[in-house]
Amino acid sequence: MTSTASRHRNLPQLMLQSREALMAEFRPILHTHGVTEQQWRIVRALLMHGPLEPRQLCERCQISSPSIVGVLQRMEEAGLVERERMAEDQRRVLVSATARSRQLGGA
């Protein structure tokens, strides 16, 4: 019995397979530019929304809070992002795209 209901139960798996098929096409392109999938998601979020706090990047890019710290550190070292403490609260940081990121994103 191949009903519509049984196909819908498999929807998450089908979506993952679709994502993987799509990313298989883009990974070589990202690799030639020296960025990971996570880094690319962050660049796109910053280009689309402007400067964001790390917690906002976690939400928009589906990256865990512990992971974002290392990812942003490597991106800053590679010249892809800049981090600046917020004037009104020195505990908070604002992450923004650099000229290199904008060049990668075609903006």
Foldseek 3Di string as FASTA:
>chain_A
DDDPVVVVVCVVVVVVVVVVVVVVVVVVVCVVVPDDPLLLQLLVCCVVPNKDWLVVSCVSRVNDPVVSVVNVVVCVVVQQWDWDQDPVGNVTIIIHGGPSSCVVVVD
